[in-house]
PDB file of all heavy atoms in Angstrom:
ATOM      1  N   VAL A   1     318.075 -58.126 -88.333  1.00  0.00           N
ATOM      2  CA  VAL A   1     318.233 -59.540 -88.665  1.00  0.00           C
ATOM      3  C   VAL A   1     317.273 -59.963 -89.746  1.00  0.00           C
ATOM      4  O   VAL A   1     317.548 -60.869 -90.581  1.00  0.00           O
ATOM      5  CB  VAL A   1     318.001 -60.453 -87.398  1.00  0.00           C
ATOM      6  CG1 VAL A   1     318.251 -61.868 -87.663  1.00  0.00           C
ATOM      7  CG2 VAL A   1     318.884 -59.930 -86.314  1.00  0.00           C
ATOM      8  N   HIS A   2     316.104 -59.293 -89.876  1.00  0.00           N
ATOM      9  CA  HIS A   2     315.155 -59.641 -90.970  1.00  0.00           C
ATOM     10  C   HIS A   2     315.731 -59.434 -92.350  1.00  0.00           C
ATOM     11  O   HIS A   2     315.300 -60.038 -93.306  1.00  0.00           O
ATOM     12  CB  HIS A   2     313.910 -58.840 -90.819  1.00  0.00           C
ATOM     13  CG  HIS A   2     313.995 -57.419 -91.207  1.00  0.00           C
ATOM     14  ND1 HIS A   2     314.378 -56.398 -90.395  1.00  0.00           N
ATOM     15  CD2 HIS A   2     313.770 -56.807 -92.463  1.00  0.00           C
ATOM     16  CE1 HIS A   2     314.424 -55.280 -91.044  1.00  0.00           C
ATOM     17  NE2 HIS A   2     314.046 -55.491 -92.284  1.00  0.00           N
ATOM     18  N   ALA A   3     316.790 -58.610 -92.436  1.00  0.00           N
ATOM     19  CA  ALA A   3     317.359 -58.279 -93.775  1.00  0.00           C
ATOM     20  C   ALA A   3     318.474 -59.280 -94.160  1.00  0.00           C
ATOM     21  O   ALA A   3     318.934 -59.179 -95.303  1.00  0.00           O
ATOM     22  CB  ALA A   3     317.941 -56.902 -93.734  1.00  0.00           C
ATOM     23  N   HIS A   4     318.852 -60.153 -93.264  1.00  0.00           N
ATOM     24  CA  HIS A   4     319.868 -61.135 -93.612  1.00  0.00           C
ATOM     25  C   HIS A   4     319.309 -62.208 -94.523  1.00  0.00           C
ATOM     26  O   HIS A   4     318.369 -62.960 -94.137  1.00  0.00           O
ATOM     27  CB  HIS A   4     320.463 -61.790 -92.318  1.00  0.00           C
ATOM     28  CG  HIS A   4     321.264 -60.824 -91.492  1.00  0.00           C
ATOM     29  ND1 HIS A   4     322.639 -61.003 -91.292  1.00  0.00           N
ATOM     30  CD2 HIS A   4     320.907 -59.686 -90.861  1.00  0.00           C
ATOM     31  CE1 HIS A   4     323.050 -59.963 -90.581  1.00  0.00           C
ATOM     32  NE2 HIS A   4     322.031 -59.182 -90.287  1.00  0.00           N
ATOM     33  N   LYS A   5     319.861 -62.370 -95.708  1.00  0.00           N
ATOM     34  CA  LYS A   5     319.295 -63.322 -96.685  1.00  0.00           C
ATOM     35  C   LYS A   5     319.762 -64.748 -96.370  1.00  0.00           C
ATOM     36  O   LYS A   5     319.119 -65.710 -96.865  1.00  0.00           O
ATOM     37  CB  LYS A   5     319.807 -62.897 -98.096  1.00  0.00           C
ATOM     38  CG  LYS A   5     319.143 -61.613 -98.566  1.00  0.00           C
ATOM     39  CD  LYS A   5     319.545 -61.278 -99.999  1.00  0.00           C
ATOM     40  CE  LYS A   5     318.767 -60.081-100.539  1.00  0.00           C
ATOM     41  NZ  LYS A   5     319.054 -58.865 -99.842  1.00  0.00           N
ATOM     42  N   ASP A   6     320.822 -64.881 -95.679  1.00  0.00           N
ATOM     43  CA  ASP A   6     321.296 -66.252 -95.297  1.00  0.00           C
ATOM     44  C   ASP A   6     321.833 -66.142 -93.855  1.00  0.00           C
ATOM     45  O   ASP A   6     321.860 -65.058 -93.274  1.00  0.00           O
ATOM     46  CB  ASP A   6     322.326 -66.817 -96.231  1.00  0.00           C
ATOM     47  CG  ASP A   6     323.526 -65.935 -96.350  1.00  0.00           C
ATOM     48  OD1 ASP A   6     324.080 -65.541 -95.329  1.00  0.00           O
ATOM     49  OD2 ASP A   6     323.958 -65.651 -97.526  1.00  0.00           O
ATOM     50  N   ARG A   7     322.301 -67.264 -93.330  1.00  0.00           N
ATOM     51  CA  ARG A   7     322.747 -67.287 -91.911  1.00  0.00           C
ATOM     52  C   ARG A   7     324.246 -67.328 -91.846  1.00  0.00           C
ATOM     53  O   ARG A   7     324.824 -67.626 -90.724  1.00  0.00           O
ATOM     54  CB  ARG A   7     322.102 -68.473 -91.215  1.00  0.00           C
ATOM     55  CG  ARG A   7     322.248 -69.837 -91.859  1.00  0.00           C
ATOM     56  CD  ARG A   7     321.561 -70.883 -91.050  1.00  0.00           C
ATOM     57  NE  ARG A   7     322.120 -70.943 -89.701  1.00  0.00           N
ATOM     58  CZ  ARG A   7     321.426 -71.212 -88.647  1.00  0.00           C
ATOM     59  NH1 ARG A   7     320.120 -71.397 -88.690  1.00  0.00           N
ATOM     60  NH2 ARG A   7     322.020 -71.320 -87.460  1.00  0.00           N
ATOM     61  N   ARG A   8     324.969 -67.014 -92.929  1.00  0.00           N
ATOM     62  CA  ARG A   8     326.402 -67.086 -92.915  1.00  0.00           C
ATOM     63  C   ARG A   8     327.054 -66.295 -91.811  1.00  0.00           C
ATOM     64  O   ARG A   8     327.894 -66.794 -91.016  1.00  0.00           O
ATOM     65  CB  ARG A   8     326.993 -66.713 -94.230  1.00  0.00           C
ATOM     66  CG  ARG A   8     328.500 -66.980 -94.388  1.00  0.00           C
ATOM     67  CD  ARG A   8     329.060 -66.473 -95.735  1.00  0.00           C
ATOM     68  NE  ARG A   8     328.939 -65.061 -95.824  1.00  0.00           N
ATOM     69  CZ  ARG A   8     329.848 -64.196 -95.403  1.00  0.00           C
ATOM     70  NH1 ARG A   8     330.941 -64.629 -94.754  1.00  0.00           N
ATOM     71  NH2 ARG A   8     329.759 -62.886 -95.575  1.00  0.00           N
ATOM     72  N   LEU A   9     326.779 -64.961 -91.713  1.00  0.00           N
ATOM     73  CA  LEU A   9     327.411 -64.139 -90.737  1.00  0.00           C
ATOM     74  C   LEU A   9     326.986 -64.620 -89.331  1.00  0.00           C
ATOM     75  O   LEU A   9     327.820 -64.641 -88.409  1.00  0.00           O
ATOM     76  CB  LEU A   9     326.987 -62.670 -90.938  1.00  0.00           C
ATOM     77  CG  LEU A   9     327.571 -61.652 -89.952  1.00  0.00           C
ATOM     78  CD1 LEU A   9     329.120 -61.673 -90.078  1.00  0.00           C
ATOM     79  CD2 LEU A   9     327.089 -60.312 -90.224  1.00  0.00           C
ATOM     80  N   TYR A  10     325.740 -64.909 -89.137  1.00  0.00           N
ATOM     81  CA  TYR A  10     325.279 -65.439 -87.798  1.00  0.00           C
ATOM     82  C   TYR A  10     326.092 -66.662 -87.407  1.00  0.00           C
ATOM     83  O   TYR A  10     326.580 -66.790 -86.304  1.00  0.00           O
ATOM     84  CB  TYR A  10     323.780 -65.738 -87.829  1.00  0.00           C
ATOM     85  CG  TYR A  10     323.332 -66.469 -86.568  1.00  0.00           C
ATOM     86  CD1 TYR A  10     322.920 -65.756 -85.442  1.00  0.00           C
ATOM     87  CD2 TYR A  10     323.265 -67.859 -86.538  1.00  0.00           C
ATOM     88  CE1 TYR A  10     322.539 -66.401 -84.301  1.00  0.00           C
ATOM     89  CE2 TYR A  10     322.903 -68.493 -85.417  1.00  0.00           C
ATOM     90  CZ  TYR A  10     322.506 -67.763 -84.296  1.00  0.00           C
ATOM     91  OH  TYR A  10     322.088 -68.434 -83.121  1.00  0.00           O
ATOM     92  N   ASP A  11     326.195 -67.596 -88.324  1.00  0.00           N
ATOM     93  CA  ASP A  11     326.874 -68.877 -87.993  1.00  0.00           C
ATOM     94  C   ASP A  11     328.321 -68.665 -87.663  1.00  0.00           C
ATOM     95  O   ASP A  11     328.922 -69.270 -86.758  1.00  0.00           O
ATOM     96  CB  ASP A  11     326.741 -69.872 -89.194  1.00  0.00           C
ATOM     97  CG  ASP A  11     325.357 -70.475 -89.212  1.00  0.00           C
ATOM     98  OD1 ASP A  11     324.612 -70.402 -88.208  1.00  0.00           O
ATOM     99  OD2 ASP A  11     324.992 -71.016 -90.302  1.00  0.00           O
ATOM    100  N   VAL A  12     329.031 -67.804 -88.499  1.00  0.00           N
ATOM    101  CA  VAL A  12     330.445 -67.494 -88.233  1.00  0.00           C
ATOM    102  C   VAL A  12     330.646 -66.944 -86.847  1.00  0.00           C
ATOM    103  O   VAL A  12     331.501 -67.323 -86.062  1.00  0.00           O
ATOM    104  CB  VAL A  12     330.995 -66.567 -89.322  1.00  0.00           C
ATOM    105  CG1 VAL A  12     332.344 -66.018 -88.872  1.00  0.00           C
ATOM    106  CG2 VAL A  12     331.154 -67.276 -90.641  1.00  0.00           C
ATOM    107  N   LEU A  13     329.808 -65.948 -86.476  1.00  0.00           N
ATOM    108  CA  LEU A  13     329.916 -65.280 -85.186  1.00  0.00           C
ATOM    109  C   LEU A  13     329.512 -66.176 -84.040  1.00  0.00           C
ATOM    110  O   LEU A  13     330.107 -66.200 -82.981  1.00  0.00           O
ATOM    111  CB  LEU A  13     329.138 -63.950 -85.160  1.00  0.00           C
ATOM    112  CG  LEU A  13     329.662 -62.931 -86.134  1.00  0.00           C
ATOM    113  CD1 LEU A  13     328.694 -61.744 -86.258  1.00  0.00           C
ATOM    114  CD2 LEU A  13     331.034 -62.408 -85.664  1.00  0.00           C
ATOM    115  N   ASP A  14     328.438 -66.997 -84.271  1.00  0.00           N
ATOM    116  CA  ASP A  14     327.944 -67.874 -83.201  1.00  0.00           C
ATOM    117  C   ASP A  14     328.985 -68.979 -82.880  1.00  0.00           C
ATOM    118  O   ASP A  14     329.285 -69.216 -81.764  1.00  0.00           O
ATOM    119  CB  ASP A  14     326.636 -68.509 -83.701  1.00  0.00           C
ATOM    120  CG  ASP A  14     325.999 -69.369 -82.617  1.00  0.00           C
ATOM    121  OD1 ASP A  14     325.924 -68.884 -81.430  1.00  0.00           O
ATOM    122  OD2 ASP A  14     325.611 -70.533 -82.909  1.00  0.00           O
ATOM    123  N   THR A  15     329.580 -69.567 -83.939  1.00  0.00           N
ATOM    124  CA  THR A  15     330.570 -70.608 -83.635  1.00  0.00           C
ATOM    125  C   THR A  15     331.856 -70.017 -83.085  1.00  0.00           C
ATOM    126  O   THR A  15     332.565 -70.692 -82.334  1.00  0.00           O
ATOM    127  CB  THR A  15     330.865 -71.425 -84.937  1.00  0.00           C
ATOM    128  OG1 THR A  15     331.309 -70.540 -85.975  1.00  0.00           O
ATOM    129  CG2 THR A  15     329.656 -72.204 -85.404  1.00  0.00           C
ATOM    130  N   ALA A  16     332.186 -68.763 -83.395  1.00  0.00           N
ATOM    131  CA  ALA A  16     333.381 -68.134 -82.895  1.00  0.00           C
ATOM    132  C   ALA A  16     333.291 -67.881 -81.397  1.00  0.00           C
ATOM    133  O   ALA A  16     334.296 -67.687 -80.742  1.00  0.00           O
ATOM    134  CB  ALA A  16     333.620 -66.804 -83.643  1.00  0.00           C
ATOM    135  N   MET A  17     332.047 -67.923 -80.877  1.00  0.00           N
ATOM    136  CA  MET A  17     331.897 -67.656 -79.415  1.00  0.00           C
ATOM    137  C   MET A  17     332.180 -68.852 -78.519  1.00  0.00           C
ATOM    138  O   MET A  17     332.152 -68.798 -77.305  1.00  0.00           O
ATOM    139  CB  MET A  17     330.436 -67.240 -79.166  1.00  0.00           C
ATOM    140  CG  MET A  17     330.024 -65.836 -79.699  1.00  0.00           C
ATOM    141  SD  MET A  17     328.330 -65.603 -79.378  1.00  0.00           S
ATOM    142  CE  MET A  17     328.317 -63.798 -79.258  1.00  0.00           C
ATOM    143  N   GLY A  18     332.537 -69.967 -79.170  1.00  0.00           N
ATOM    144  CA  GLY A  18     332.646 -71.206 -78.417  1.00  0.00           C
ATOM    145  C   GLY A  18     333.676 -71.199 -77.306  1.00  0.00           C
ATOM    146  O   GLY A  18     333.635 -72.017 -76.352  1.00  0.00           O
ATOM    147  N   ALA A  19     334.697 -70.330 -77.368  1.00  0.00           N
ATOM    148  CA  ALA A  19     335.736 -70.334 -76.367  1.00  0.00           C
ATOM    149  C   ALA A  19     335.378 -69.433 -75.163  1.00  0.00           C
ATOM    150  O   ALA A  19     336.126 -69.369 -74.133  1.00  0.00           O
ATOM    151  CB  ALA A  19     337.058 -69.849 -76.937  1.00  0.00           C
ATOM    152  N   ARG A  20     334.245 -68.728 -75.219  1.00  0.00           N
ATOM    153  CA  ARG A  20     333.884 -67.806 -74.170  1.00  0.00           C
ATOM    154  C   ARG A  20     332.940 -68.540 -73.137  1.00  0.00           C
ATOM    155  O   ARG A  20     332.140 -69.393 -73.525  1.00  0.00           O
ATOM    156  CB  ARG A  20     333.134 -66.614 -74.720  1.00  0.00           C
ATOM    157  CG  ARG A  20     334.004 -65.770 -75.680  1.00  0.00           C
ATOM    158  CD  ARG A  20     335.063 -65.057 -74.953  1.00  0.00           C
ATOM    159  NE  ARG A  20     335.875 -64.141 -75.818  1.00  0.00           N
ATOM    160  CZ  ARG A  20     336.730 -63.302 -75.422  1.00  0.00           C
ATOM    161  NH1 ARG A  20     336.972 -63.104 -74.149  1.00  0.00           N
ATOM    162  NH2 ARG A  20     337.344 -62.495 -76.286  1.00  0.00           N
ATOM    163  N   ARG A  21     333.085 -68.160 -71.851  1.00  0.00           N
ATOM    164  CA  ARG A  21     332.296 -68.789 -70.797  1.00  0.00           C
ATOM    165  C   ARG A  21     330.799 -68.418 -70.821  1.00  0.00           C
ATOM    166  O   ARG A  21     329.943 -69.222 -70.555  1.00  0.00           O
ATOM    167  CB  ARG A  21     332.899 -68.412 -69.447  1.00  0.00           C
ATOM    168  CG  ARG A  21     332.257 -69.151 -68.269  1.00  0.00           C
ATOM    169  CD  ARG A  21     333.120 -69.078 -67.044  1.00  0.00           C
ATOM    170  NE  ARG A  21     332.541 -69.769 -65.917  1.00  0.00           N
ATOM    171  CZ  ARG A  21     332.005 -69.204 -64.898  1.00  0.00           C
ATOM    172  NH1 ARG A  21     332.001 -67.884 -64.815  1.00  0.00           N
ATOM    173  NH2 ARG A  21     331.476 -69.903 -63.871  1.00  0.00           N
ATOM    174  N   GLN A  22     330.517 -67.154 -71.098  1.00  0.00           N
ATOM    175  CA  GLN A  22     329.103 -66.684 -71.104  1.00  0.00           C
ATOM    176  C   GLN A  22     328.920 -65.630 -72.152  1.00  0.00           C
ATOM    177  O   GLN A  22     328.629 -64.434 -71.850  1.00  0.00           O
ATOM    178  CB  GLN A  22     328.653 -66.275 -69.689  1.00  0.00           C
ATOM    179  CG  GLN A  22     329.371 -65.105 -69.070  1.00  0.00           C
ATOM    180  CD  GLN A  22     328.675 -64.494 -67.892  1.00  0.00           C
ATOM    181  OE1 GLN A  22     327.573 -64.882 -67.552  1.00  0.00           O
ATOM    182  NE2 GLN A  22     329.272 -63.523 -67.301  1.00  0.00           N
ATOM    183  N   PRO A  23     329.036 -66.020 -73.417  1.00  0.00           N
ATOM    184  CA  PRO A  23     328.893 -65.030 -74.469  1.00  0.00           C
ATOM    185  C   PRO A  23     327.407 -64.607 -74.636  1.00  0.00           C
ATOM    186  O   PRO A  23     326.593 -65.302 -74.147  1.00  0.00           O
ATOM    187  CB  PRO A  23     329.379 -65.796 -75.702  1.00  0.00           C
ATOM    188  CG  PRO A  23     328.980 -67.220 -75.429  1.00  0.00           C
ATOM    189  CD  PRO A  23     329.262 -67.352 -73.936  1.00  0.00           C
ATOM    190  N   LEU A  24     327.193 -63.533 -75.338  1.00  0.00           N
ATOM    191  CA  LEU A  24     325.820 -63.087 -75.601  1.00  0.00           C
ATOM    192  C   LEU A  24     325.670 -62.697 -77.062  1.00  0.00           C
ATOM    193  O   LEU A  24     326.432 -61.863 -77.592  1.00  0.00           O
ATOM    194  CB  LEU A  24     325.460 -61.865 -74.728  1.00  0.00           C
ATOM    195  CG  LEU A  24     324.021 -61.369 -74.908  1.00  0.00           C
ATOM    196  CD1 LEU A  24     323.020 -62.370 -74.384  1.00  0.00           C
ATOM    197  CD2 LEU A  24     323.831 -60.005 -74.224  1.00  0.00           C
ATOM    198  N   MET A  25     324.676 -63.352 -77.730  1.00  0.00           N
ATOM    199  CA  MET A  25     324.334 -63.011 -79.104  1.00  0.00           C
ATOM    200  C   MET A  25     322.996 -62.203 -78.969  1.00  0.00           C
ATOM    201  O   MET A  25     321.932 -62.774 -78.602  1.00  0.00           O
ATOM    202  CB  MET A  25     324.124 -64.252 -79.933  1.00  0.00           C
ATOM    203  CG  MET A  25     323.588 -63.972 -81.312  1.00  0.00           C
ATOM    204  SD  MET A  25     324.800 -63.314 -82.491  1.00  0.00           S
ATOM    205  CE  MET A  25     325.741 -64.783 -82.906  1.00  0.00           C
ATOM    206  N   TYR A  26     323.011 -60.906 -79.299  1.00  0.00           N
ATOM    207  CA  TYR A  26     321.849 -60.057 -79.148  1.00  0.00           C
ATOM    208  C   TYR A  26     321.390 -59.715 -80.548  1.00  0.00           C
ATOM    209  O   TYR A  26     322.013 -58.907 -81.273  1.00  0.00           O
ATOM    210  CB  TYR A  26     322.238 -58.804 -78.340  1.00  0.00           C
ATOM    211  CG  TYR A  26     321.060 -57.955 -77.993  1.00  0.00           C
ATOM    212  CD1 TYR A  26     320.096 -58.306 -77.047  1.00  0.00           C
ATOM    213  CD2 TYR A  26     320.950 -56.668 -78.518  1.00  0.00           C
ATOM    214  CE1 TYR A  26     319.043 -57.523 -76.705  1.00  0.00           C
ATOM    215  CE2 TYR A  26     319.903 -55.795 -78.206  1.00  0.00           C
ATOM    216  CZ  TYR A  26     318.994 -56.259 -77.311  1.00  0.00           C
ATOM    217  OH  TYR A  26     317.923 -55.453 -76.938  1.00  0.00           O
ATOM    218  N   LEU A  27     320.253 -60.250 -80.970  1.00  0.00           N
ATOM    219  CA  LEU A  27     319.731 -60.087 -82.305  1.00  0.00           C
ATOM    220  C   LEU A  27     318.586 -59.012 -82.250  1.00  0.00           C
ATOM    221  O   LEU A  27     317.640 -59.163 -81.439  1.00  0.00           O
ATOM    222  CB  LEU A  27     319.132 -61.379 -82.862  1.00  0.00           C
ATOM    223  CG  LEU A  27     320.007 -62.631 -82.763  1.00  0.00           C
ATOM    224  CD1 LEU A  27     319.262 -63.863 -83.071  1.00  0.00           C
ATOM    225  CD2 LEU A  27     321.219 -62.481 -83.685  1.00  0.00           C
ATOM    226  N   ILE A  28     318.721 -57.951 -83.022  1.00  0.00           N
ATOM    227  CA  ILE A  28     317.641 -56.921 -83.012  1.00  0.00           C
ATOM    228  C   ILE A  28     317.114 -56.761 -84.406  1.00  0.00           C
ATOM    229  O   ILE A  28     317.777 -56.909 -85.414  1.00  0.00           O
ATOM    230  CB  ILE A  28     318.207 -55.588 -82.496  1.00  0.00           C
ATOM    231  CG1 ILE A  28     319.385 -55.045 -83.291  1.00  0.00           C
ATOM    232  CG2 ILE A  28     318.611 -55.714 -81.054  1.00  0.00           C
ATOM    233  CD1 ILE A  28     319.868 -53.644 -82.857  1.00  0.00           C
ATOM    234  N   SER A  29     315.817 -56.417 -84.479  1.00  0.00           N
ATOM    235  CA  SER A  29     315.191 -56.221 -85.764  1.00  0.00           C
ATOM    236  C   SER A  29     313.812 -55.531 -85.618  1.00  0.00           C
ATOM    237  O   SER A  29     313.180 -55.701 -84.601  1.00  0.00           O
ATOM    238  CB  SER A  29     315.020 -57.593 -86.425  1.00  0.00           C
ATOM    239  OG  SER A  29     314.661 -57.450 -87.764  1.00  0.00           O
ATOM    240  N   THR A  30     313.460 -54.856 -86.683  1.00  0.00           N
ATOM    241  CA  THR A  30     312.042 -54.507 -86.833  1.00  0.00           C
ATOM    242  C   THR A  30     311.440 -55.620 -87.687  1.00  0.00           C
ATOM    243  O   THR A  30     312.139 -56.576 -88.018  1.00  0.00           O
ATOM    244  CB  THR A  30     311.952 -53.154 -87.639  1.00  0.00           C
ATOM    245  OG1 THR A  30     312.721 -53.267 -88.827  1.00  0.00           O
ATOM    246  CG2 THR A  30     312.497 -51.975 -86.851  1.00  0.00           C
ATOM    247  N   ALA A  31     310.168 -55.563 -87.900  1.00  0.00           N
ATOM    248  CA  ALA A  31     309.499 -56.642 -88.684  1.00  0.00           C
ATOM    249  C   ALA A  31     309.951 -56.507 -90.134  1.00  0.00           C
ATOM    250  O   ALA A  31     310.245 -55.452 -90.604  1.00  0.00           O
ATOM    251  CB  ALA A  31     307.965 -56.521 -88.560  1.00  0.00           C
ATOM    252  N   GLY A  32     309.959 -57.671 -90.768  1.00  0.00           N
ATOM    253  CA  GLY A  32     310.333 -57.701 -92.229  1.00  0.00           C
ATOM    254  C   GLY A  32     309.414 -58.617 -92.997  1.00  0.00           C
ATOM    255  O   GLY A  32     308.421 -59.085 -92.426  1.00  0.00           O
ATOM    256  N   PHE A  33     309.774 -58.885 -94.241  1.00  0.00           N
ATOM    257  CA  PHE A  33     308.902 -59.712 -95.121  1.00  0.00           C
ATOM    258  C   PHE A  33     309.543 -61.088 -95.454  1.00  0.00           C
ATOM    259  O   PHE A  33     308.915 -61.895 -96.056  1.00  0.00           O
ATOM    260  CB  PHE A  33     308.614 -58.938 -96.393  1.00  0.00           C
ATOM    261  CG  PHE A  33     307.824 -57.691 -96.114  1.00  0.00           C
ATOM    262  CD1 PHE A  33     308.484 -56.485 -96.124  1.00  0.00           C
ATOM    263  CD2 PHE A  33     306.469 -57.687 -95.927  1.00  0.00           C
ATOM    264  CE1 PHE A  33     307.761 -55.274 -95.859  1.00  0.00           C
ATOM    265  CE2 PHE A  33     305.763 -56.574 -95.624  1.00  0.00           C
ATOM    266  CZ  PHE A  33     306.452 -55.352 -95.620  1.00  0.00           C
ATOM    267  N   ASN A  34     310.804 -61.283 -95.115  1.00  0.00           N
ATOM    268  CA  ASN A  34     311.499 -62.514 -95.464  1.00  0.00           C
ATOM    269  C   ASN A  34     311.082 -63.596 -94.439  1.00  0.00           C
ATOM    270  O   ASN A  34     311.508 -63.580 -93.313  1.00  0.00           O
ATOM    271  CB  ASN A  34     313.008 -62.296 -95.398  1.00  0.00           C
ATOM    272  CG  ASN A  34     313.815 -63.516 -95.774  1.00  0.00           C
ATOM    273  OD1 ASN A  34     313.231 -64.554 -96.174  1.00  0.00           O
ATOM    274  ND2 ASN A  34     315.076 -63.495 -95.660  1.00  0.00           N
ATOM    275  N   LYS A  35     310.322 -64.585 -94.942  1.00  0.00           N
ATOM    276  CA  LYS A  35     309.842 -65.640 -94.065  1.00  0.00           C
ATOM    277  C   LYS A  35     310.764 -66.906 -94.150  1.00  0.00           C
ATOM    278  O   LYS A  35     310.484 -67.956 -93.571  1.00  0.00           O
ATOM    279  CB  LYS A  35     308.474 -66.037 -94.439  1.00  0.00           C
ATOM    280  CG  LYS A  35     307.472 -64.918 -94.086  1.00  0.00           C
ATOM    281  CD  LYS A  35     306.024 -65.385 -94.264  1.00  0.00           C
ATOM    282  CE  LYS A  35     305.079 -64.196 -93.832  1.00  0.00           C
ATOM    283  NZ  LYS A  35     303.628 -64.632 -93.985  1.00  0.00           N
ATOM    284  N   ASN A  36     311.856 -66.796 -94.866  1.00  0.00           N
ATOM    285  CA  ASN A  36     312.776 -67.923 -95.007  1.00  0.00           C
ATOM    286  C   ASN A  36     314.144 -67.706 -94.420  1.00  0.00           C
ATOM    287  O   ASN A  36     315.019 -68.583 -94.516  1.00  0.00           O
ATOM    288  CB  ASN A  36     312.946 -68.266 -96.519  1.00  0.00           C
ATOM    289  CG  ASN A  36     311.639 -68.632 -97.181  1.00  0.00           C
ATOM    290  OD1 ASN A  36     310.864 -69.460 -96.634  1.00  0.00           O
ATOM    291  ND2 ASN A  36     311.315 -68.011 -98.273  1.00  0.00           N
ATOM    292  N   GLY A  37     314.373 -66.530 -93.778  1.00  0.00           N
ATOM    293  CA  GLY A  37     315.688 -66.205 -93.320  1.00  0.00           C
ATOM    294  C   GLY A  37     315.890 -66.620 -91.870  1.00  0.00           C
ATOM    295  O   GLY A  37     315.066 -67.191 -91.183  1.00  0.00           O
ATOM    296  N   ILE A  38     317.097 -66.205 -91.355  1.00  0.00           N
ATOM    297  CA  ILE A  38     317.538 -66.517 -89.979  1.00  0.00           C
ATOM    298  C   ILE A  38     316.574 -65.882 -88.946  1.00  0.00           C
ATOM    299  O   ILE A  38     316.267 -66.429 -87.905  1.00  0.00           O
ATOM    300  CB  ILE A  38     318.945 -66.078 -89.745  1.00  0.00           C
ATOM    301  CG1 ILE A  38     319.482 -66.440 -88.307  1.00  0.00           C
ATOM    302  CG2 ILE A  38     319.133 -64.599 -89.952  1.00  0.00           C
ATOM    303  CD1 ILE A  38     319.652 -67.907 -88.098  1.00  0.00           C
ATOM    304  N   CYS A  39     316.017 -64.726 -89.308  1.00  0.00           N
ATOM    305  CA  CYS A  39     315.127 -64.046 -88.359  1.00  0.00           C
ATOM    306  C   CYS A  39     313.864 -64.860 -88.073  1.00  0.00           C
ATOM    307  O   CYS A  39     313.492 -65.071 -86.975  1.00  0.00           O
ATOM    308  CB  CYS A  39     314.762 -62.666 -88.940  1.00  0.00           C
ATOM    309  SG  CYS A  39     313.819 -61.609 -87.779  1.00  0.00           S
ATOM    310  N   MET A  40     313.203 -65.339 -89.141  1.00  0.00           N
ATOM    311  CA  MET A  40     312.011 -66.157 -88.971  1.00  0.00           C
ATOM    312  C   MET A  40     312.333 -67.451 -88.266  1.00  0.00           C
ATOM    313  O   MET A  40     311.529 -67.930 -87.459  1.00  0.00           O
ATOM    314  CB  MET A  40     311.384 -66.383 -90.347  1.00  0.00           C
ATOM    315  CG  MET A  40     309.934 -66.884 -90.256  1.00  0.00           C
ATOM    316  SD  MET A  40     308.855 -65.597 -89.526  1.00  0.00           S
ATOM    317  CE  MET A  40     307.330 -66.494 -89.447  1.00  0.00           C
ATOM    318  N   GLU A  41     313.468 -68.021 -88.634  1.00  0.00           N
ATOM    319  CA  GLU A  41     313.945 -69.253 -87.945  1.00  0.00           C
ATOM    320  C   GLU A  41     314.014 -69.089 -86.475  1.00  0.00           C
ATOM    321  O   GLU A  41     313.548 -69.901 -85.633  1.00  0.00           O
ATOM    322  CB  GLU A  41     315.238 -69.693 -88.583  1.00  0.00           C
ATOM    323  CG  GLU A  41     315.787 -71.019 -88.047  1.00  0.00           C
ATOM    324  CD  GLU A  41     317.146 -71.347 -88.675  1.00  0.00           C
ATOM    325  OE1 GLU A  41     317.350 -70.996 -89.843  1.00  0.00           O
ATOM    326  OE2 GLU A  41     317.913 -72.004 -87.967  1.00  0.00           O
TER     327      GLU A  41
END
């Protein structure tokens, strides 16, 4: 997730889960240097 420069893919997948009763978004990452991306958020 630290390598994602923007949140586009996250947002598309997150909003697509709206019809599920108990979806799971599992974000995995090693540490990175981008302090402005979705990972730091």
